[in-house]
Amino acid sequence: MPLPDPPPEEPRLWALFALGVLAFNFPLLAVWAFWGERSGSAAPFVVALFGVWAALIAVLAWLMERAPD
């Protein structure tokens, strides 16, 4: 019995997952933290962190709510 074809959203969701892993991985977080330390405030780090998080959630919502191909 052959396996059913995956839904068309599956590759896009995996790509979004990979983008999120890369965005929240240590090297990029270290760059943001360095910029925050140079500016004398943690605010740029926090804004960037939550901005990327919100963008990932927005893209996920858009992918799940749009009409199928």
C-alpha atoms as a PDB file:
ATOM      1  CA  MET A   1       0.000   0.000   0.000  1.00  0.00           C
ATOM      2  CA  PRO A   2       1.652   3.288  -1.094  1.00  0.00           C
ATOM      3  CA  LEU A   3       1.913   6.206   1.266  1.00  0.00           C
ATOM      4  CA  PRO A   4      -0.400   9.160   0.593  1.00  0.00           C
ATOM      5  CA  ASP A   5       1.086  12.354  -0.786  1.00  0.00           C
ATOM      6  CA  PRO A   6       1.919  14.942   1.894  1.00  0.00           C
ATOM      7  CA  PRO A   7      -0.232  18.063   2.018  1.00  0.00           C
ATOM      8  CA  PRO A   8       1.136  20.972  -0.033  1.00  0.00           C
ATOM      9  CA  GLU A   9       1.855  22.998   3.129  1.00  0.00           C
ATOM     10  CA  GLU A  10       4.285  20.446   4.548  1.00  0.00           C
ATOM     11  CA  PRO A  11       7.452  21.538   2.688  1.00  0.00           C
ATOM     12  CA  ARG A  12       6.699  25.179   3.446  1.00  0.00           C
ATOM     13  CA  LEU A  13       6.227  24.410   7.131  1.00  0.00           C
ATOM     14  CA  TRP A  14       9.535  22.537   7.234  1.00  0.00           C
ATOM     15  CA  ALA A  15      11.229  25.496   5.553  1.00  0.00           C
ATOM     16  CA  LEU A  16       9.696  27.868   8.114  1.00  0.00           C
ATOM     17  CA  PHE A  17      10.886  25.580  10.913  1.00  0.00           C
ATOM     18  CA  ALA A  18      14.420  25.615   9.495  1.00  0.00           C
ATOM     19  CA  LEU A  19      14.311  29.411   9.210  1.00  0.00           C
ATOM     20  CA  GLY A  20      13.233  29.648  12.852  1.00  0.00           C
ATOM     21  CA  VAL A  21      16.015  27.328  13.988  1.00  0.00           C
ATOM     22  CA  LEU A  22      18.570  29.401  12.092  1.00  0.00           C
ATOM     23  CA  ALA A  23      17.149  32.688  13.395  1.00  0.00           C
ATOM     24  CA  PHE A  24      17.259  31.572  17.032  1.00  0.00           C
ATOM     25  CA  ASN A  25      20.563  29.716  16.821  1.00  0.00           C
ATOM     26  CA  PHE A  26      23.538  30.865  18.880  1.00  0.00           C
ATOM     27  CA  PRO A  27      25.595  32.789  16.269  1.00  0.00           C
ATOM     28  CA  LEU A  28      22.791  35.167  15.287  1.00  0.00           C
ATOM     29  CA  LEU A  29      21.701  35.665  18.888  1.00  0.00           C
ATOM     30  CA  ALA A  30      25.303  36.457  19.793  1.00  0.00           C
ATOM     31  CA  VAL A  31      25.440  39.108  17.056  1.00  0.00           C
ATOM     32  CA  TRP A  32      22.249  40.721  18.342  1.00  0.00           C
ATOM     33  CA  ALA A  33      23.529  40.618  21.936  1.00  0.00           C
ATOM     34  CA  PHE A  34      26.803  42.230  20.809  1.00  0.00           C
ATOM     35  CA  TRP A  35      24.911  45.063  19.119  1.00  0.00           C
ATOM     36  CA  GLY A  36      22.873  45.532  22.290  1.00  0.00           C
ATOM     37  CA  GLU A  37      25.987  45.704  24.446  1.00  0.00           C
ATOM     38  CA  ARG A  38      27.608  48.252  22.116  1.00  0.00           C
ATOM     39  CA  SER A  39      24.557  50.491  22.278  1.00  0.00           C
ATOM     40  CA  GLY A  40      24.530  50.273  26.075  1.00  0.00           C
ATOM     41  CA  SER A  41      21.065  48.800  26.214  1.00  0.00           C
ATOM     42  CA  ALA A  42      19.426  45.416  25.836  1.00  0.00           C
ATOM     43  CA  ALA A  43      16.493  46.987  23.986  1.00  0.00           C
ATOM     44  CA  PRO A  44      17.738  46.289  20.411  1.00  0.00           C
ATOM     45  CA  PHE A  45      18.312  42.639  21.321  1.00  0.00           C
ATOM     46  CA  VAL A  46      14.843  42.276  22.826  1.00  0.00           C
ATOM     47  CA  VAL A  47      13.150  44.095  19.935  1.00  0.00           C
ATOM     48  CA  ALA A  48      14.968  41.961  17.361  1.00  0.00           C
ATOM     49  CA  LEU A  49      14.215  38.745  19.238  1.00  0.00           C
ATOM     50  CA  PHE A  50      10.498  39.408  19.589  1.00  0.00           C
ATOM     51  CA  GLY A  51      10.280  40.931  16.106  1.00  0.00           C
ATOM     52  CA  VAL A  52      11.644  37.767  14.492  1.00  0.00           C
ATOM     53  CA  TRP A  53       9.414  35.638  16.718  1.00  0.00           C
ATOM     54  CA  ALA A  54       6.333  37.671  15.720  1.00  0.00           C
ATOM     55  CA  ALA A  55       7.315  37.476  12.039  1.00  0.00           C
ATOM     56  CA  LEU A  56       7.597  33.679  12.235  1.00  0.00           C
ATOM     57  CA  ILE A  57       4.158  33.463  13.850  1.00  0.00           C
ATOM     58  CA  ALA A  58       2.679  35.787  11.206  1.00  0.00           C
ATOM     59  CA  VAL A  59       4.142  33.728   8.351  1.00  0.00           C
ATOM     60  CA  LEU A  60       2.885  30.525   9.975  1.00  0.00           C
ATOM     61  CA  ALA A  61      -0.618  31.977  10.285  1.00  0.00           C
ATOM     62  CA  TRP A  62      -0.527  33.149   6.671  1.00  0.00           C
ATOM     63  CA  LEU A  63       0.612  29.728   5.456  1.00  0.00           C
ATOM     64  CA  MET A  64      -2.083  27.892   7.385  1.00  0.00           C
ATOM     65  CA  GLU A  65      -4.959  30.225   6.524  1.00  0.00           C
ATOM     66  CA  ARG A  66      -4.384  30.739   2.819  1.00  0.00           C
ATOM     67  CA  ALA A  67      -6.221  28.720   0.195  1.00  0.00           C
ATOM     68  CA  PRO A  68      -4.555  25.460  -0.842  1.00  0.00           C
ATOM     69  CA  ASP A  69      -2.659  25.299  -4.123  1.00  0.00           C
END
